[in-house]
């Protein structure tokens, strides 16, 4: 297991909660971050690397198809 740090952020991107957790994979840690943060923005860190940030949650634009 690896140690992760989940940071729940305020509207001004400063941490309002910092929690240390242990998970087997990055995906598990990000899933835990979503559950802990609920609707708030959050980051997930593994060591000194940010593996998830609020920018990662931006919606993916879909191509617009127009009929002729």
N, C-alpha and C. Protein backbone atom coordinates (compact mmCIF):
# COMPACT_ATOMS: atom_id res chain seq x y z
N UNK A 1 0.84 -1.19 0.00
CA UNK A 1 0.00 0.00 0.00
C UNK A 1 0.88 1.24 0.00
N UNK A 2 0.35 2.28 -0.62
CA UNK A 2 1.07 3.55 -0.67
C UNK A 2 0.33 4.60 0.14
N UNK A 3 1.06 5.57 0.62
CA UNK A 3 0.47 6.66 1.39
C UNK A 3 0.10 7.81 0.46
N UNK A 4 -1.08 8.35 0.65
CA UNK A 4 -1.59 9.48 -0.15
C UNK A 4 -2.04 10.59 0.79
N UNK A 5 -2.08 11.79 0.25
CA UNK A 5 -2.61 12.94 0.98
C UNK A 5 -3.76 13.50 0.16
N UNK A 6 -4.94 13.58 0.75
CA UNK A 6 -6.11 14.14 0.10
C UNK A 6 -6.34 15.52 0.71
N UNK A 7 -6.41 16.52 -0.17
CA UNK A 7 -6.63 17.90 0.28
C UNK A 7 -7.95 18.40 -0.26
N UNK A 8 -8.90 18.66 0.62
CA UNK A 8 -10.17 19.26 0.22
C UNK A 8 -9.94 20.77 0.22
N UNK A 9 -10.32 21.42 -0.89
CA UNK A 9 -9.99 22.83 -1.09
C UNK A 9 -11.20 23.74 -0.88
N UNK A 10 -10.90 24.96 -0.47
CA UNK A 10 -11.93 26.00 -0.36
C UNK A 10 -12.16 26.60 -1.75
N UNK A 11 -13.07 27.54 -1.83
CA UNK A 11 -13.32 28.23 -3.11
C UNK A 11 -12.09 29.02 -3.57
N UNK A 12 -11.19 29.33 -2.66
CA UNK A 12 -9.99 30.09 -2.99
C UNK A 12 -8.79 29.18 -3.19
N UNK A 13 -9.02 27.88 -3.34
CA UNK A 13 -7.99 26.86 -3.60
C UNK A 13 -7.00 26.66 -2.46
N UNK A 14 -7.37 27.07 -1.26
CA UNK A 14 -6.52 26.76 -0.12
C UNK A 14 -7.12 25.55 0.61
N UNK A 15 -6.28 24.71 1.20
CA UNK A 15 -6.81 23.50 1.85
C UNK A 15 -7.68 23.80 3.06
N UNK A 16 -8.84 23.17 3.12
CA UNK A 16 -9.69 23.28 4.31
C UNK A 16 -9.59 22.00 5.14
N UNK A 17 -9.11 20.91 4.50
CA UNK A 17 -8.92 19.64 5.18
C UNK A 17 -7.79 18.90 4.49
N UNK A 18 -6.87 18.37 5.27
CA UNK A 18 -5.79 17.54 4.74
C UNK A 18 -5.86 16.20 5.46
N UNK A 19 -5.98 15.12 4.68
CA UNK A 19 -6.13 13.79 5.27
C UNK A 19 -5.11 12.84 4.65
N UNK A 20 -4.41 12.09 5.49
CA UNK A 20 -3.49 11.07 5.00
C UNK A 20 -4.22 9.74 4.96
N UNK A 21 -4.07 9.03 3.83
CA UNK A 21 -4.73 7.75 3.64
C UNK A 21 -3.77 6.74 3.02
N UNK A 22 -4.13 5.48 3.07
CA UNK A 22 -3.34 4.41 2.46
C UNK A 22 -4.22 3.69 1.44
N UNK A 23 -3.68 3.50 0.21
CA UNK A 23 -4.43 2.83 -0.84
C UNK A 23 -3.48 2.00 -1.68
N UNK A 24 -4.04 1.02 -2.41
CA UNK A 24 -3.24 0.17 -3.28
C UNK A 24 -2.90 0.86 -4.60
N UNK A 25 -3.84 1.67 -5.13
CA UNK A 25 -3.62 2.30 -6.43
C UNK A 25 -4.00 3.78 -6.39
N UNK A 26 -3.51 4.53 -7.41
CA UNK A 26 -3.88 5.94 -7.55
C UNK A 26 -5.38 6.09 -7.75
N UNK A 27 -5.97 5.19 -8.52
CA UNK A 27 -7.42 5.25 -8.79
C UNK A 27 -8.21 5.12 -7.50
N UNK A 28 -7.78 4.20 -6.63
CA UNK A 28 -8.47 4.04 -5.34
C UNK A 28 -8.36 5.32 -4.51
N UNK A 29 -7.20 5.95 -4.54
CA UNK A 29 -6.99 7.18 -3.77
C UNK A 29 -7.85 8.31 -4.31
N UNK A 30 -7.95 8.43 -5.63
CA UNK A 30 -8.78 9.47 -6.23
C UNK A 30 -10.25 9.22 -5.92
N UNK A 31 -10.67 7.97 -5.97
CA UNK A 31 -12.06 7.62 -5.63
C UNK A 31 -12.36 8.00 -4.18
N UNK A 32 -11.42 7.73 -3.29
CA UNK A 32 -11.59 8.11 -1.87
C UNK A 32 -11.67 9.63 -1.73
N UNK A 33 -10.86 10.35 -2.50
CA UNK A 33 -10.89 11.80 -2.48
C UNK A 33 -12.25 12.34 -2.89
N UNK A 34 -12.84 11.76 -3.94
CA UNK A 34 -14.18 12.18 -4.37
C UNK A 34 -15.21 11.95 -3.27
N UNK A 35 -15.10 10.82 -2.60
CA UNK A 35 -16.05 10.50 -1.54
C UNK A 35 -15.89 11.45 -0.36
N UNK A 36 -14.67 11.73 0.02
CA UNK A 36 -14.40 12.61 1.17
C UNK A 36 -14.80 14.04 0.85
N UNK A 37 -14.47 14.52 -0.35
CA UNK A 37 -14.70 15.92 -0.71
C UNK A 37 -16.17 16.21 -1.04
N UNK A 38 -16.92 15.17 -1.38
CA UNK A 38 -18.30 15.33 -1.84
C UNK A 38 -18.33 16.27 -3.03
N UNK A 39 -18.94 17.43 -2.91
CA UNK A 39 -19.04 18.36 -4.05
C UNK A 39 -17.91 19.38 -4.07
N UNK A 40 -17.01 19.34 -3.09
CA UNK A 40 -15.92 20.31 -3.03
C UNK A 40 -14.78 19.92 -3.96
N UNK A 41 -13.95 20.89 -4.29
CA UNK A 41 -12.75 20.62 -5.07
C UNK A 41 -11.74 19.91 -4.19
N UNK A 42 -10.88 19.08 -4.81
CA UNK A 42 -9.88 18.36 -4.02
C UNK A 42 -8.66 18.02 -4.85
N UNK A 43 -7.57 17.76 -4.15
CA UNK A 43 -6.33 17.28 -4.76
C UNK A 43 -5.93 15.98 -4.08
N UNK A 44 -5.22 15.13 -4.82
CA UNK A 44 -4.65 13.91 -4.25
C UNK A 44 -3.17 13.91 -4.57
N UNK A 45 -2.36 13.72 -3.53
CA UNK A 45 -0.90 13.72 -3.67
C UNK A 45 -0.33 12.37 -3.26
N UNK A 46 0.62 11.88 -4.06
CA UNK A 46 1.43 10.71 -3.71
C UNK A 46 2.86 11.21 -3.63
N UNK A 47 3.41 11.18 -2.45
CA UNK A 47 4.73 11.77 -2.20
C UNK A 47 4.68 13.24 -2.61
N UNK A 48 5.55 13.65 -3.53
CA UNK A 48 5.60 15.06 -3.95
C UNK A 48 4.89 15.28 -5.29
N UNK A 49 4.14 14.27 -5.76
CA UNK A 49 3.47 14.36 -7.05
C UNK A 49 1.96 14.49 -6.87
N UNK A 50 1.41 15.52 -7.47
CA UNK A 50 -0.05 15.70 -7.46
C UNK A 50 -0.62 14.79 -8.55
N UNK A 51 -1.39 13.78 -8.15
CA UNK A 51 -1.94 12.84 -9.12
C UNK A 51 -3.38 13.19 -9.52
N UNK A 52 -3.99 14.13 -8.80
CA UNK A 52 -5.33 14.61 -9.15
C UNK A 52 -5.49 16.04 -8.65
N UNK A 53 -6.02 16.90 -9.52
CA UNK A 53 -6.29 18.29 -9.13
C UNK A 53 -7.64 18.70 -9.70
N UNK A 54 -8.19 19.85 -9.27
CA UNK A 54 -9.50 20.27 -9.78
C UNK A 54 -9.52 20.39 -11.31
N UNK A 55 -8.40 20.72 -11.93
CA UNK A 55 -8.35 20.85 -13.39
C UNK A 55 -8.64 19.50 -14.06
N UNK A 56 -8.36 18.40 -13.37
CA UNK A 56 -8.63 17.07 -13.92
C UNK A 56 -10.12 16.77 -14.01
N UNK A 57 -10.94 17.51 -13.30
CA UNK A 57 -12.39 17.27 -13.28
C UNK A 57 -13.16 18.09 -14.30
N UNK A 58 -12.45 18.89 -15.13
CA UNK A 58 -13.14 19.69 -16.11
C UNK A 58 -13.83 18.78 -17.12
N UNK A 59 -15.03 19.13 -17.55
CA UNK A 59 -15.73 18.29 -18.51
C UNK A 59 -14.99 18.22 -19.84
N UNK A 60 -15.05 17.08 -20.47
CA UNK A 60 -14.41 16.90 -21.77
C UNK A 60 -15.38 17.40 -22.83
N UNK A 61 -14.93 18.34 -23.68
CA UNK A 61 -15.85 18.84 -24.71
C UNK A 61 -16.11 17.76 -25.76
N UNK A 62 -17.37 17.61 -26.13
CA UNK A 62 -17.75 16.63 -27.14
C UNK A 62 -17.84 17.33 -28.49
N UNK A 63 -17.48 16.65 -29.57
CA UNK A 63 -17.61 17.27 -30.88
C UNK A 63 -19.06 17.56 -31.21
N UNK A 64 -19.30 18.65 -31.87
CA UNK A 64 -20.66 19.04 -32.26
C UNK A 64 -20.90 18.53 -33.68
N UNK A 65 -21.94 17.71 -33.85
CA UNK A 65 -22.29 17.21 -35.18
C UNK A 65 -23.51 17.95 -35.66
N UNK A 66 -23.37 18.51 -36.83
CA UNK A 66 -24.51 19.25 -37.41
C UNK A 66 -25.00 18.52 -38.64
N UNK A 67 -26.30 18.40 -38.73
CA UNK A 67 -26.86 17.74 -39.92
C UNK A 67 -26.88 18.72 -41.07
N UNK A 68 -26.68 18.19 -42.26
CA UNK A 68 -26.60 19.05 -43.46
C UNK A 68 -27.94 19.48 -43.95
